C-alpha atoms as a PDB file:
ATOM      1  CA  MET A   1      10.346  -9.236  13.587  1.00  0.00           C
ATOM      2  CA  ILE A   2       7.692  -6.794  12.441  1.00  0.00           C
ATOM      3  CA  ASP A   3       4.349  -6.108  14.117  1.00  0.00           C
ATOM      4  CA  PHE A   4       1.374  -4.963  12.032  1.00  0.00           C
ATOM      5  CA  TYR A   5      -1.474  -2.806  13.292  1.00  0.00           C
ATOM      6  CA  THR A   6      -4.602  -1.696  11.449  1.00  0.00           C
ATOM      7  CA  LYS A   7      -6.215   1.644  12.208  1.00  0.00           C
ATOM      8  CA  ASN A   8      -8.812   3.890  10.656  1.00  0.00           C
ATOM      9  CA  PHE A   9      -7.863   7.527  10.080  1.00  0.00           C
ATOM     10  CA  GLU A  10      -9.350   8.777  13.351  1.00  0.00           C
ATOM     11  CA  MET A  11      -7.307   6.239  15.364  1.00  0.00           C
ATOM     12  CA  LEU A  12      -3.959   7.425  13.976  1.00  0.00           C
ATOM     13  CA  THR A  13      -1.944   9.520  16.391  1.00  0.00           C
ATOM     14  CA  THR A  14      -0.332  12.716  15.205  1.00  0.00           C
ATOM     15  CA  ASN A  15       3.085  11.025  15.431  1.00  0.00           C
ATOM     16  CA  GLU A  16       1.894   8.006  13.420  1.00  0.00           C
ATOM     17  CA  LEU A  17       0.429  10.203  10.707  1.00  0.00           C
ATOM     18  CA  TYR A  18       3.669  12.179  10.559  1.00  0.00           C
ATOM     19  CA  GLU A  19       5.751   8.957  10.272  1.00  0.00           C
ATOM     20  CA  ILE A  20       3.440   7.616   7.544  1.00  0.00           C
ATOM     21  CA  LEU A  21       3.638  10.799   5.492  1.00  0.00           C
ATOM     22  CA  ARG A  22       7.406  11.015   6.014  1.00  0.00           C
ATOM     23  CA  LEU A  23       7.879   7.421   4.804  1.00  0.00           C
ATOM     24  CA  ARG A  24       5.601   7.921   1.796  1.00  0.00           C
ATOM     25  CA  SER A  25       7.444  11.130   0.902  1.00  0.00           C
ATOM     26  CA  GLU A  26      10.883   9.536   1.416  1.00  0.00           C
ATOM     27  CA  VAL A  27      10.099   6.765  -1.065  1.00  0.00           C
ATOM     28  CA  PHE A  28       7.486   8.032  -3.515  1.00  0.00           C
ATOM     29  CA  VAL A  29       8.674  11.640  -3.835  1.00  0.00           C
ATOM     30  CA  VAL A  30      12.397  11.727  -2.998  1.00  0.00           C
ATOM     31  CA  GLU A  31      13.706   8.235  -3.886  1.00  0.00           C
ATOM     32  CA  GLN A  32      11.554   7.852  -6.994  1.00  0.00           C
ATOM     33  CA  ASN A  33      12.028  11.516  -7.937  1.00  0.00           C
ATOM     34  CA  CYS A  34       8.296  11.905  -8.515  1.00  0.00           C
ATOM     35  CA  VAL A  35       6.406  15.083  -7.806  1.00  0.00           C
ATOM     36  CA  TYR A  36       2.786  14.146  -7.177  1.00  0.00           C
ATOM     37  CA  GLN A  37      -0.089  15.007  -4.837  1.00  0.00           C
ATOM     38  CA  ASP A  38       0.238  12.389  -2.097  1.00  0.00           C
ATOM     39  CA  LEU A  39      -2.407  13.998   0.109  1.00  0.00           C
ATOM     40  CA  ASP A  40      -5.417  13.011  -1.992  1.00  0.00           C
ATOM     41  CA  ASN A  41      -8.268  13.167   0.561  1.00  0.00           C
ATOM     42  CA  LYS A  42      -8.531   9.376   0.461  1.00  0.00           C
ATOM     43  CA  ASP A  43      -6.640   8.657   3.692  1.00  0.00           C
ATOM     44  CA  GLN A  44      -9.805   9.501   5.630  1.00  0.00           C
ATOM     45  CA  LYS A  45     -11.682   6.597   3.960  1.00  0.00           C
ATOM     46  CA  ALA A  46      -8.869   4.052   4.215  1.00  0.00           C
ATOM     47  CA  LEU A  47      -7.820   1.518   6.778  1.00  0.00           C
ATOM     48  CA  HIS A  48      -4.126   2.038   7.449  1.00  0.00           C
ATOM     49  CA  ILE A  49      -1.744  -0.856   7.977  1.00  0.00           C
ATOM     50  CA  LEU A  50       1.322   0.114   9.966  1.00  0.00           C
ATOM     51  CA  GLY A  51       4.321  -2.199  10.235  1.00  0.00           C
ATOM     52  CA  TYR A  52       6.420  -1.440  13.301  1.00  0.00           C
ATOM     53  CA  LYS A  53       9.966  -2.520  14.050  1.00  0.00           C
ATOM     54  CA  ASN A  54      11.700  -1.128  17.140  1.00  0.00           C
ATOM     55  CA  ASN A  55       8.921   1.445  17.660  1.00  0.00           C
ATOM     56  CA  THR A  56       9.341   2.846  14.131  1.00  0.00           C
ATOM     57  CA  ILE A  57       7.006   2.489  11.149  1.00  0.00           C
ATOM     58  CA  VAL A  58       9.028   0.658   8.493  1.00  0.00           C
ATOM     59  CA  ALA A  59       6.133  -0.700   6.390  1.00  0.00           C
ATOM     60  CA  TYR A  60       2.839   0.856   5.412  1.00  0.00           C
ATOM     61  CA  ALA A  61      -0.172   0.376   3.141  1.00  0.00           C
ATOM     62  CA  ARG A  62      -3.702   1.636   2.986  1.00  0.00           C
ATOM     63  CA  VAL A  63      -6.728  -0.450   1.992  1.00  0.00           C
ATOM     64  CA  PHE A  64     -10.162   0.471   0.708  1.00  0.00           C
ATOM     65  CA  LYS A  65     -13.464  -1.334   0.450  1.00  0.00           C
ATOM     66  CA  ALA A  66     -15.000  -1.701  -3.008  1.00  0.00           C
ATOM     67  CA  GLY A  67     -16.181   1.629  -4.370  1.00  0.00           C
ATOM     68  CA  ASP A  68     -14.066   3.857  -2.109  1.00  0.00           C
ATOM     69  CA  TYR A  69     -11.151   4.002  -4.571  1.00  0.00           C
ATOM     70  CA  PHE A  70     -11.618   1.392  -7.314  1.00  0.00           C
ATOM     71  CA  LYS A  71     -14.681  -0.696  -8.188  1.00  0.00           C
ATOM     72  CA  LYS A  72     -13.072  -3.580  -6.279  1.00  0.00           C
ATOM     73  CA  ALA A  73     -11.474  -3.497  -2.843  1.00  0.00           C
ATOM     74  CA  SER A  74      -7.947  -2.175  -3.193  1.00  0.00           C
ATOM     75  CA  ILE A  75      -4.519  -1.782  -1.655  1.00  0.00           C
ATOM     76  CA  GLY A  76      -2.411   1.301  -2.224  1.00  0.00           C
ATOM     77  CA  ARG A  77       0.594   3.325  -1.057  1.00  0.00           C
ATOM     78  CA  ILE A  78       2.439   0.054  -0.384  1.00  0.00           C
ATOM     79  CA  VAL A  79       5.813   1.113   0.956  1.00  0.00           C
ATOM     80  CA  ILE A  80       8.769  -0.357   2.827  1.00  0.00           C
ATOM     81  CA  SER A  81      11.514   1.762   4.333  1.00  0.00           C
ATOM     82  CA  PRO A  82      14.638   1.530   2.125  1.00  0.00           C
ATOM     83  CA  LYS A  83      16.636   0.407   5.178  1.00  0.00           C
ATOM     84  CA  HIS A  84      14.402  -2.664   5.602  1.00  0.00           C
ATOM     85  CA  ARG A  85      13.724  -3.880   2.060  1.00  0.00           C
ATOM     86  CA  SER A  86      15.900  -6.990   2.283  1.00  0.00           C
ATOM     87  CA  GLU A  87      13.940  -8.350   5.252  1.00  0.00           C
ATOM     88  CA  GLY A  88      10.894  -9.719   3.373  1.00  0.00           C
ATOM     89  CA  TYR A  89       8.469  -7.196   4.824  1.00  0.00           C
ATOM     90  CA  GLY A  90       6.919  -6.405   1.442  1.00  0.00           C
ATOM     91  CA  SER A  91       5.299  -9.829   1.138  1.00  0.00           C
ATOM     92  CA  GLU A  92       4.233  -9.768   4.786  1.00  0.00           C
ATOM     93  CA  LEU A  93       2.685  -6.331   4.322  1.00  0.00           C
ATOM     94  CA  VAL A  94       0.690  -7.291   1.226  1.00  0.00           C
ATOM     95  CA  LYS A  95      -0.475 -10.574   2.816  1.00  0.00           C
ATOM     96  CA  THR A  96      -1.608  -8.595   5.865  1.00  0.00           C
ATOM     97  CA  ALA A  97      -3.438  -6.099   3.634  1.00  0.00           C
ATOM     98  CA  ILE A  98      -5.233  -8.957   1.851  1.00  0.00           C
ATOM     99  CA  MET A  99      -6.242 -10.450   5.207  1.00  0.00           C
ATOM    100  CA  VAL A 100      -7.494  -7.056   6.459  1.00  0.00           C
ATOM    101  CA  ILE A 101      -9.668  -6.642   3.347  1.00  0.00           C
ATOM    102  CA  ASN A 102     -11.044 -10.186   3.721  1.00  0.00           C
ATOM    103  CA  ILE A 103     -11.837  -9.759   7.432  1.00  0.00           C
ATOM    104  CA  HIS A 104     -12.980  -6.120   7.626  1.00  0.00           C
ATOM    105  CA  PHE A 105     -14.757  -5.785   4.283  1.00  0.00           C
ATOM    106  CA  LYS A 106     -15.641  -9.445   3.547  1.00  0.00           C
ATOM    107  CA  GLN A 107     -14.315  -8.861   0.027  1.00  0.00           C
ATOM    108  CA  TYR A 108     -11.956 -11.153  -1.876  1.00  0.00           C
ATOM    109  CA  ASP A 109     -11.421  -9.576  -5.295  1.00  0.00           C
ATOM    110  CA  ILE A 110      -8.681  -6.976  -4.844  1.00  0.00           C
ATOM    111  CA  ALA A 111      -7.322  -4.411  -7.314  1.00  0.00           C
ATOM    112  CA  ILE A 112      -3.998  -2.599  -7.258  1.00  0.00           C
ATOM    113  CA  SER A 113      -2.261  -0.080  -9.477  1.00  0.00           C
ATOM    114  CA  ALA A 114       1.257  -1.529  -9.363  1.00  0.00           C
ATOM    115  CA  GLN A 115       4.512  -0.126 -10.576  1.00  0.00           C
ATOM    116  CA  GLU A 116       5.279  -2.231 -13.644  1.00  0.00           C
ATOM    117  CA  HIS A 117       8.727  -3.348 -12.465  1.00  0.00           C
ATOM    118  CA  LEU A 118       7.045  -5.055  -9.462  1.00  0.00           C
ATOM    119  CA  GLU A 119       4.790  -7.290 -11.568  1.00  0.00           C
ATOM    120  CA  LYS A 120       6.615 -10.508 -10.649  1.00  0.00           C
ATOM    121  CA  PHE A 121       6.526  -9.618  -6.933  1.00  0.00           C
ATOM    122  CA  TYR A 122       2.739  -9.236  -7.098  1.00  0.00           C
ATOM    123  CA  ASN A 123       2.355 -12.345  -9.304  1.00  0.00           C
ATOM    124  CA  ASN A 124       3.896 -14.292  -6.413  1.00  0.00           C
ATOM    125  CA  LEU A 125       1.029 -13.012  -4.245  1.00  0.00           C
ATOM    126  CA  ALA A 126      -1.635 -14.180  -6.777  1.00  0.00           C
ATOM    127  CA  PHE A 127      -2.187 -10.818  -8.501  1.00  0.00           C
ATOM    128  CA  MET A 128      -2.613 -10.999 -12.267  1.00  0.00           C
ATOM    129  CA  ARG A 129      -1.982  -8.214 -14.762  1.00  0.00           C
ATOM    130  CA  ILE A 130      -5.013  -6.718 -16.507  1.00  0.00           C
ATOM    131  CA  GLY A 131      -4.446  -4.745 -19.700  1.00  0.00           C
ATOM    132  CA  LYS A 132      -1.565  -2.622 -20.897  1.00  0.00           C
ATOM    133  CA  SER A 133       0.845  -0.491 -18.925  1.00  0.00           C
ATOM    134  CA  TYR A 134       0.114   3.191 -18.379  1.00  0.00           C
ATOM    135  CA  LEU A 135       1.901   6.168 -16.887  1.00  0.00           C
ATOM    136  CA  GLU A 136       0.878   7.281 -13.429  1.00  0.00           C
ATOM    137  CA  ASP A 137       2.787  10.307 -12.162  1.00  0.00           C
ATOM    138  CA  GLY A 138       5.444   9.622 -14.811  1.00  0.00           C
ATOM    139  CA  ILE A 139       6.059   6.001 -13.670  1.00  0.00           C
ATOM    140  CA  PRO A 140       4.938   2.939 -15.701  1.00  0.00           C
ATOM    141  CA  HIS A 141       2.106   1.156 -13.857  1.00  0.00           C
ATOM    142  CA  ILE A 142      -0.177  -1.798 -14.501  1.00  0.00           C
ATOM    143  CA  LYS A 143      -3.584  -2.707 -13.180  1.00  0.00           C
ATOM    144  CA  MET A 144      -3.571  -6.007 -11.324  1.00  0.00           C
ATOM    145  CA  ILE A 145      -6.392  -8.092  -9.843  1.00  0.00           C
ATOM    146  CA  ARG A 146      -6.377 -10.838  -7.217  1.00  0.00           C
ATOM    147  CA  LYS A 147      -9.433 -13.109  -7.152  1.00  0.00           C
END
């Protein structure tokens, strides 16, 4: 069982922020062997979705209203702890992020910049590919939209 909480930047505790940054670094920098600037000054504008299991953050995403990152509302930094990937938390996390955008921002068109190898995963959540693939931080990505 996983419990999701939504917080703005000011509501995050120091420990939560540390866990979030550690998880993002563990996956996006170390596991994917990708050197990039994770701290992009956008966390302050985002709503943060934290997935807790046994008092530990094992799932995380950040969401933005239209215009704060992309033209449409968006979800980013979608990450599941490697130890918990077989538990179905990815779908739960993205569904929660969609619900948060719908409720908090009253927006229904959602954009993501998805790693290309996850296209089918996002298709199953009603996201459709838009355009050709492109490199983002050395990793093939695609733009996807959910209407």
